[in-house]
Amino acid sequence: MFTGIIESLGRVESLQSVGGDVRLRIQTNLDMSDVHLGDSIATNGICLTVIEWGDTWYAADVSRESLNRTTLGHWKVGQPVNVEKAMLPTTRFGGHIVSGHVDAVGEITLVREDARSLYFEVTAPVEIAKYLAEKGSVTVDGISLTINHLRGNIISLNLIPHTAERTNIGTWKTGSKVNLEVDVLARYIERLLLGDKAAETQAQSKISMDFLAANGFLK
């Protein structure tokens, strides 16, 4: 589990194809003294399992599932990535609950200055729009952010200078692809609303306005 508060800006040191998957090595200034084999480190919002590490780096294997559902398949050596170690029970919960399980890839569609902040619009895939809420939380490349406004599947975000200095958002531009993770509570609420129907094999969610009305959620 993570909080979406970025600890370090790392860099991709190497990408190696291994049996159809990828072995990734990240250079970082994280304190690696308390890292153990099998620990989790979120890298641009992707929960990766540490298989090797040193004082200034860690390595992880990346499955085809992660390559297909995230931006990792397009990463290049030298590019900056947001890094956060898994939270401890004593960690301050400064962001929100982040699992590191990326839901979809979004696209930056607008970037502009807004006083001392940076204003971004991110277009999310339509299938995850139902999990997004104005003033709710969303994780973008591992960063816990508040959705300022929401127009359909377009997310409006403001990032303060502190966040800009400690993350990779300086590389975001119109057309950039970013990893998105919705608030985990939204996913579980959808399953709860399905009730006994959750056990049915579904090509897609059957939650609709008619479903909510028929089950007493709307009056």
C-alpha atoms as a PDB file:
ATOM      1  CA  MET A   1       0.000   0.000   0.000  1.00  0.00           C
ATOM      2  CA  PHE A   2       1.155   3.526  -0.821  1.00  0.00           C
ATOM      3  CA  THR A   3      -0.043   7.072  -0.164  1.00  0.00           C
ATOM      4  CA  GLY A   4       0.755   8.778  -3.466  1.00  0.00           C
ATOM      5  CA  ILE A   5       3.228  11.146  -1.781  1.00  0.00           C
ATOM      6  CA  ILE A   6       6.342  10.856  -3.945  1.00  0.00           C
ATOM      7  CA  GLU A   7       9.584  10.289  -2.039  1.00  0.00           C
ATOM      8  CA  SER A   8      12.120  10.535  -4.833  1.00  0.00           C
ATOM      9  CA  LEU A   9      12.554  11.210  -8.516  1.00  0.00           C
ATOM     10  CA  GLY A  10      14.321   8.198 -10.004  1.00  0.00           C
ATOM     11  CA  ARG A  11      15.569   7.437 -13.502  1.00  0.00           C
ATOM     12  CA  VAL A  12      15.301   4.393 -15.724  1.00  0.00           C
ATOM     13  CA  GLU A  13      18.807   2.927 -15.815  1.00  0.00           C
ATOM     14  CA  SER A  14      18.146  -0.131 -17.977  1.00  0.00           C
ATOM     15  CA  LEU A  15      15.377  -2.121 -19.652  1.00  0.00           C
ATOM     16  CA  GLN A  16      16.143  -5.739 -20.514  1.00  0.00           C
ATOM     17  CA  SER A  17      13.873  -8.178 -22.337  1.00  0.00           C
ATOM     18  CA  VAL A  18      13.741 -11.498 -20.460  1.00  0.00           C
ATOM     19  CA  GLY A  19      11.587 -14.284 -21.864  1.00  0.00           C
ATOM     20  CA  GLY A  20       8.957 -11.904 -23.211  1.00  0.00           C
ATOM     21  CA  ASP A  21       8.815  -9.874 -20.008  1.00  0.00           C
ATOM     22  CA  VAL A  22      11.015  -6.940 -18.967  1.00  0.00           C
ATOM     23  CA  ARG A  23      13.605  -6.596 -16.238  1.00  0.00           C
ATOM     24  CA  LEU A  24      13.805  -2.975 -15.130  1.00  0.00           C
ATOM     25  CA  ARG A  25      16.535  -1.208 -13.169  1.00  0.00           C
ATOM     26  CA  ILE A  26      15.856   2.165 -11.547  1.00  0.00           C
ATOM     27  CA  GLN A  27      18.473   4.594 -10.256  1.00  0.00           C
ATOM     28  CA  THR A  28      17.261   6.417  -7.148  1.00  0.00           C
ATOM     29  CA  ASN A  29      18.331   8.443  -4.134  1.00  0.00           C
ATOM     30  CA  LEU A  30      15.809   6.649  -1.903  1.00  0.00           C
ATOM     31  CA  ASP A  31      17.125   5.375   1.428  1.00  0.00           C
ATOM     32  CA  MET A  32      17.547   1.707   0.479  1.00  0.00           C
ATOM     33  CA  SER A  33      18.921   0.626   3.866  1.00  0.00           C
ATOM     34  CA  ASP A  34      15.574  -0.810   5.000  1.00  0.00           C
ATOM     35  CA  VAL A  35      14.643  -2.461   1.679  1.00  0.00           C
ATOM     36  CA  HIS A  36      14.402  -6.260   1.570  1.00  0.00           C
ATOM     37  CA  LEU A  37      13.926  -8.854  -1.135  1.00  0.00           C
ATOM     38  CA  GLY A  38      10.284  -8.853  -2.217  1.00  0.00           C
ATOM     39  CA  ASP A  39       9.499  -5.358  -0.954  1.00  0.00           C
ATOM     40  CA  SER A  40       7.214  -3.166  -3.056  1.00  0.00           C
ATOM     41  CA  ILE A  41       8.239   0.152  -4.594  1.00  0.00           C
ATOM     42  CA  ALA A  42       5.755   2.197  -6.632  1.00  0.00           C
ATOM     43  CA  THR A  43       7.406   3.420  -9.819  1.00  0.00           C
ATOM     44  CA  ASN A  44       5.292   5.948 -11.739  1.00  0.00           C
ATOM     45  CA  GLY A  45       2.364   4.463  -9.863  1.00  0.00           C
ATOM     46  CA  ILE A  46       3.147   0.821 -10.708  1.00  0.00           C
ATOM     47  CA  CYS A  47       3.692  -1.483  -7.739  1.00  0.00           C
ATOM     48  CA  LEU A  48       6.946  -3.325  -8.503  1.00  0.00           C
ATOM     49  CA  THR A  49       8.566  -6.119  -6.484  1.00  0.00           C
ATOM     50  CA  VAL A  50      12.237  -5.642  -5.664  1.00  0.00           C
ATOM     51  CA  ILE A  51      14.339  -8.603  -6.847  1.00  0.00           C
ATOM     52  CA  GLU A  52      17.772  -6.952  -6.548  1.00  0.00           C
ATOM     53  CA  TRP A  53      18.990  -3.682  -5.072  1.00  0.00           C
ATOM     54  CA  GLY A  54      21.972  -1.598  -4.056  1.00  0.00           C
ATOM     55  CA  ASP A  55      22.575   1.695  -2.299  1.00  0.00           C
ATOM     56  CA  THR A  56      21.370   3.743  -5.275  1.00  0.00           C
ATOM     57  CA  TRP A  57      19.274   1.366  -7.391  1.00  0.00           C
ATOM     58  CA  TYR A  58      16.716  -1.423  -7.478  1.00  0.00           C
ATOM     59  CA  ALA A  59      15.606  -3.935 -10.078  1.00  0.00           C
ATOM     60  CA  ALA A  60      12.216  -5.505 -10.744  1.00  0.00           C
ATOM     61  CA  ASP A  61      10.629  -7.900 -13.219  1.00  0.00           C
ATOM     62  CA  VAL A  62       7.613  -6.578 -15.122  1.00  0.00           C
ATOM     63  CA  SER A  63       4.905  -8.969 -16.375  1.00  0.00           C
ATOM     64  CA  ARG A  64       3.053  -8.786 -19.690  1.00  0.00           C
ATOM     65  CA  GLU A  65      -0.067  -7.692 -17.762  1.00  0.00           C
ATOM     66  CA  SER A  66       1.752  -4.638 -16.412  1.00  0.00           C
ATOM     67  CA  LEU A  67       3.268  -3.883 -19.806  1.00  0.00           C
ATOM     68  CA  ASN A  68      -0.176  -4.011 -21.439  1.00  0.00           C
ATOM     69  CA  ARG A  69      -2.013  -1.920 -18.839  1.00  0.00           C
ATOM     70  CA  THR A  70       0.546   0.794 -18.099  1.00  0.00           C
ATOM     71  CA  THR A  71       2.946   3.158 -19.832  1.00  0.00           C
ATOM     72  CA  LEU A  72       5.954   1.032 -18.889  1.00  0.00           C
ATOM     73  CA  GLY A  73       6.183  -0.625 -22.300  1.00  0.00           C
ATOM     74  CA  HIS A  74       7.106   2.782 -23.758  1.00  0.00           C
ATOM     75  CA  TRP A  75       9.666   3.854 -21.154  1.00  0.00           C
ATOM     76  CA  LYS A  76      13.138   4.858 -22.316  1.00  0.00           C
ATOM     77  CA  VAL A  77      16.503   4.689 -20.568  1.00  0.00           C
ATOM     78  CA  GLY A  78      17.154   7.964 -18.757  1.00  0.00           C
ATOM     79  CA  GLN A  79      13.559   9.070 -18.312  1.00  0.00           C
ATOM     80  CA  PRO A  80      12.509  10.312 -14.853  1.00  0.00           C
ATOM     81  CA  VAL A  81      10.023   8.298 -12.797  1.00  0.00           C
ATOM     82  CA  ASN A  82       8.202   8.955  -9.527  1.00  0.00           C
ATOM     83  CA  VAL A  83       9.262   6.621  -6.729  1.00  0.00           C
ATOM     84  CA  GLU A  84       7.615   5.737  -3.398  1.00  0.00           C
ATOM     85  CA  LYS A  85       8.371   2.878  -1.018  1.00  0.00           C
ATOM     86  CA  ALA A  86       5.454   1.001   0.533  1.00  0.00           C
ATOM     87  CA  MET A  87       4.070   2.814   3.561  1.00  0.00           C
ATOM     88  CA  LEU A  88       4.778   1.772   7.159  1.00  0.00           C
ATOM     89  CA  PRO A  89       2.109   1.579   9.909  1.00  0.00           C
ATOM     90  CA  THR A  90       3.741   4.692  11.402  1.00  0.00           C
ATOM     91  CA  THR A  91       3.702   6.663   8.144  1.00  0.00           C
ATOM     92  CA  ARG A  92       1.658   9.861   7.993  1.00  0.00           C
ATOM     93  CA  PHE A  93      -1.212   9.326   5.601  1.00  0.00           C
ATOM     94  CA  GLY A  94      -0.671  12.474   3.543  1.00  0.00           C
ATOM     95  CA  GLY A  95      -2.313  11.321   0.314  1.00  0.00           C
ATOM     96  CA  HIS A  96      -4.938   8.599  -0.120  1.00  0.00           C
ATOM     97  CA  ILE A  97      -5.013   4.803  -0.310  1.00  0.00           C
ATOM     98  CA  VAL A  98      -2.975   3.809  -3.365  1.00  0.00           C
ATOM     99  CA  SER A  99      -2.508   0.155  -4.306  1.00  0.00           C
ATOM    100  CA  GLY A 100      -0.075   0.604  -7.179  1.00  0.00           C
ATOM    101  CA  HIS A 101      -2.410  -1.364  -9.459  1.00  0.00           C
ATOM    102  CA  VAL A 102      -2.849   0.840 -12.519  1.00  0.00           C
ATOM    103  CA  ASP A 103      -6.390   0.913 -13.913  1.00  0.00           C
ATOM    104  CA  ALA A 104      -5.747   2.582 -17.249  1.00  0.00           C
ATOM    105  CA  VAL A 105      -3.525   4.888 -19.253  1.00  0.00           C
ATOM    106  CA  GLY A 106      -4.684   8.491 -19.687  1.00  0.00           C
ATOM    107  CA  GLU A 107      -3.467  11.281 -21.938  1.00  0.00           C
ATOM    108  CA  ILE A 108      -2.442  14.834 -21.053  1.00  0.00           C
ATOM    109  CA  THR A 109      -4.612  17.038 -23.280  1.00  0.00           C
ATOM    110  CA  LEU A 110      -3.922  20.508 -21.862  1.00  0.00           C
ATOM    111  CA  VAL A 111      -1.022  22.119 -19.985  1.00  0.00           C
ATOM    112  CA  ARG A 112      -0.840  25.762 -18.899  1.00  0.00           C
ATOM    113  CA  GLU A 113       0.379  27.964 -16.080  1.00  0.00           C
ATOM    114  CA  ASP A 114      -2.194  28.998 -13.472  1.00  0.00           C
ATOM    115  CA  ALA A 115      -0.616  31.641 -11.203  1.00  0.00           C
ATOM    116  CA  ARG A 116       2.154  29.713  -9.401  1.00  0.00           C
ATOM    117  CA  SER A 117       0.542  26.357 -10.096  1.00  0.00           C
ATOM    118  CA  LEU A 118       0.472  24.226 -13.220  1.00  0.00           C
ATOM    119  CA  TYR A 119      -2.932  23.334 -14.652  1.00  0.00           C
ATOM    120  CA  PHE A 120      -3.412  20.031 -16.446  1.00  0.00           C
ATOM    121  CA  GLU A 121      -6.289  18.298 -18.141  1.00  0.00           C
ATOM    122  CA  VAL A 122      -6.092  14.540 -18.446  1.00  0.00           C
ATOM    123  CA  THR A 123      -8.433  12.531 -20.655  1.00  0.00           C
ATOM    124  CA  ALA A 124      -9.184   9.188 -19.017  1.00  0.00           C
ATOM    125  CA  PRO A 125     -10.542   6.150 -20.870  1.00  0.00           C
ATOM    126  CA  VAL A 126     -14.341   6.215 -20.807  1.00  0.00           C
ATOM    127  CA  GLU A 127     -14.532   2.878 -18.972  1.00  0.00           C
ATOM    128  CA  ILE A 128     -13.049   4.335 -15.771  1.00  0.00           C
ATOM    129  CA  ALA A 129     -14.984   7.641 -15.832  1.00  0.00           C
ATOM    130  CA  LYS A 130     -17.640   6.188 -13.500  1.00  0.00           C
ATOM    131  CA  TYR A 131     -14.996   5.809 -10.760  1.00  0.00           C
ATOM    132  CA  LEU A 132     -13.981   9.487 -10.855  1.00  0.00           C
ATOM    133  CA  ALA A 133     -15.598  12.245  -8.790  1.00  0.00           C
ATOM    134  CA  GLU A 134     -15.102  15.989  -8.500  1.00  0.00           C
ATOM    135  CA  LYS A 135     -12.966  16.737  -5.409  1.00  0.00           C
ATOM    136  CA  GLY A 136     -12.233  13.024  -5.193  1.00  0.00           C
ATOM    137  CA  SER A 137      -8.778  11.454  -5.410  1.00  0.00           C
ATOM    138  CA  VAL A 138      -6.951  10.020  -8.403  1.00  0.00           C
ATOM    139  CA  THR A 139      -3.398   8.761  -8.792  1.00  0.00           C
ATOM    140  CA  VAL A 140      -1.519  10.058 -11.840  1.00  0.00           C
ATOM    141  CA  ASP A 141       1.920   8.478 -12.423  1.00  0.00           C
ATOM    142  CA  GLY A 142       1.912   7.582  -8.741  1.00  0.00           C
ATOM    143  CA  ILE A 143       1.040  11.093  -7.495  1.00  0.00           C
ATOM    144  CA  SER A 144      -2.005  11.464  -5.228  1.00  0.00           C
ATOM    145  CA  LEU A 145      -4.031  14.328  -6.694  1.00  0.00           C
ATOM    146  CA  THR A 146      -7.409  15.961  -6.126  1.00  0.00           C
ATOM    147  CA  ILE A 147      -9.755  16.232  -9.090  1.00  0.00           C
ATOM    148  CA  ASN A 148     -10.651  19.927  -9.259  1.00  0.00           C
ATOM    149  CA  HIS A 149     -13.279  19.595 -11.970  1.00  0.00           C
ATOM    150  CA  LEU A 150     -14.648  16.774 -14.059  1.00  0.00           C
ATOM    151  CA  ARG A 151     -16.217  16.992 -17.505  1.00  0.00           C
ATOM    152  CA  GLY A 152     -17.247  13.537 -18.586  1.00  0.00           C
ATOM    153  CA  ASN A 153     -13.943  11.678 -18.704  1.00  0.00           C
ATOM    154  CA  ILE A 154     -11.741  14.812 -18.654  1.00  0.00           C
ATOM    155  CA  ILE A 155      -9.981  15.444 -15.336  1.00  0.00           C
ATOM    156  CA  SER A 156      -8.810  18.941 -14.346  1.00  0.00           C
ATOM    157  CA  LEU A 157      -5.827  19.131 -11.970  1.00  0.00           C
ATOM    158  CA  ASN A 158      -3.720  21.866 -10.344  1.00  0.00           C
ATOM    159  CA  LEU A 159      -0.224  21.018  -9.139  1.00  0.00           C
ATOM    160  CA  ILE A 160       1.588  23.302  -6.718  1.00  0.00           C
ATOM    161  CA  PRO A 161       5.302  24.205  -7.154  1.00  0.00           C
ATOM    162  CA  HIS A 162       6.374  21.756  -4.407  1.00  0.00           C
ATOM    163  CA  THR A 163       4.846  18.842  -6.311  1.00  0.00           C
ATOM    164  CA  ALA A 164       6.377  20.040  -9.570  1.00  0.00           C
ATOM    165  CA  GLU A 165       9.848  20.126  -7.999  1.00  0.00           C
ATOM    166  CA  ARG A 166       9.668  16.610  -6.520  1.00  0.00           C
ATOM    167  CA  THR A 167       8.028  14.687  -9.363  1.00  0.00           C
ATOM    168  CA  ASN A 168       8.278  14.092 -13.091  1.00  0.00           C
ATOM    169  CA  ILE A 169       5.476  16.476 -14.074  1.00  0.00           C
ATOM    170  CA  GLY A 170       8.032  18.747 -15.691  1.00  0.00           C
ATOM    171  CA  THR A 171       8.144  16.180 -18.499  1.00  0.00           C
ATOM    172  CA  TRP A 172       4.351  16.150 -19.005  1.00  0.00           C
ATOM    173  CA  LYS A 173       3.176  17.845 -22.164  1.00  0.00           C
ATOM    174  CA  THR A 174       0.184  17.632 -24.455  1.00  0.00           C
ATOM    175  CA  GLY A 175       0.036  14.065 -25.743  1.00  0.00           C
ATOM    176  CA  SER A 176       1.975  12.521 -22.849  1.00  0.00           C
ATOM    177  CA  LYS A 177       0.607   9.213 -21.577  1.00  0.00           C
ATOM    178  CA  VAL A 178       0.216   8.744 -17.803  1.00  0.00           C
ATOM    179  CA  ASN A 179      -0.735   5.887 -15.493  1.00  0.00           C
ATOM    180  CA  LEU A 180      -4.098   6.313 -13.752  1.00  0.00           C
ATOM    181  CA  GLU A 181      -5.365   4.569 -10.628  1.00  0.00           C
ATOM    182  CA  VAL A 182      -8.845   5.352  -9.346  1.00  0.00           C
ATOM    183  CA  ASP A 183      -9.734   5.515  -5.667  1.00  0.00           C
ATOM    184  CA  VAL A 184      -9.840   1.913  -4.437  1.00  0.00           C
ATOM    185  CA  LEU A 185     -13.073   2.617  -2.528  1.00  0.00           C
ATOM    186  CA  ALA A 186     -14.900   3.306  -5.797  1.00  0.00           C
ATOM    187  CA  ARG A 187     -14.005  -0.130  -7.144  1.00  0.00           C
ATOM    188  CA  TYR A 188     -15.263  -1.924  -4.047  1.00  0.00           C
ATOM    189  CA  ILE A 189     -18.480   0.097  -3.906  1.00  0.00           C
ATOM    190  CA  GLU A 190     -19.303  -1.024  -7.444  1.00  0.00           C
ATOM    191  CA  ARG A 191     -18.888  -4.679  -6.461  1.00  0.00           C
ATOM    192  CA  LEU A 192     -21.007  -4.224  -3.343  1.00  0.00           C
ATOM    193  CA  LEU A 193     -23.811  -2.660  -5.359  1.00  0.00           C
ATOM    194  CA  LEU A 194     -23.893  -5.737  -7.591  1.00  0.00           C
ATOM    195  CA  GLY A 195     -24.752  -7.897  -4.584  1.00  0.00           C
ATOM    196  CA  ASP A 196     -25.309 -11.553  -5.548  1.00  0.00           C
ATOM    197  CA  LYS A 197     -24.882 -10.643  -9.217  1.00  0.00           C
ATOM    198  CA  ALA A 198     -21.179 -10.026  -8.556  1.00  0.00           C
ATOM    199  CA  ALA A 199     -20.594 -13.786  -8.941  1.00  0.00           C
ATOM    200  CA  GLU A 200     -21.925 -13.768 -12.491  1.00  0.00           C
ATOM    201  CA  THR A 201     -19.498 -13.750 -15.389  1.00  0.00           C
ATOM    202  CA  GLN A 202     -19.689 -10.264 -16.851  1.00  0.00           C
ATOM    203  CA  ALA A 203     -18.128  -8.756 -19.921  1.00  0.00           C
ATOM    204  CA  GLN A 204     -18.757  -5.377 -18.317  1.00  0.00           C
ATOM    205  CA  SER A 205     -20.392  -3.865 -15.270  1.00  0.00           C
ATOM    206  CA  LYS A 206     -24.210  -4.023 -15.168  1.00  0.00           C
ATOM    207  CA  ILE A 207     -24.479  -1.022 -12.887  1.00  0.00           C
ATOM    208  CA  SER A 208     -26.837   1.460 -14.527  1.00  0.00           C
ATOM    209  CA  MET A 209     -29.415   4.038 -13.468  1.00  0.00           C
ATOM    210  CA  ASP A 210     -32.154   1.438 -14.012  1.00  0.00           C
ATOM    211  CA  PHE A 211     -30.237  -1.072 -11.860  1.00  0.00           C
ATOM    212  CA  LEU A 212     -29.824   1.461  -9.036  1.00  0.00           C
ATOM    213  CA  ALA A 213     -33.519   2.413  -9.176  1.00  0.00           C
ATOM    214  CA  ALA A 214     -34.672  -1.220  -9.203  1.00  0.00           C
ATOM    215  CA  ASN A 215     -32.566  -1.992  -6.132  1.00  0.00           C
ATOM    216  CA  GLY A 216     -33.731   0.959  -4.064  1.00  0.00           C
ATOM    217  CA  PHE A 217     -30.719   3.252  -4.438  1.00  0.00           C
ATOM    218  CA  LEU A 218     -32.693   5.916  -6.299  1.00  0.00           C
ATOM    219  CA  LYS A 219     -36.051   7.406  -5.447  1.00  0.00           C
END
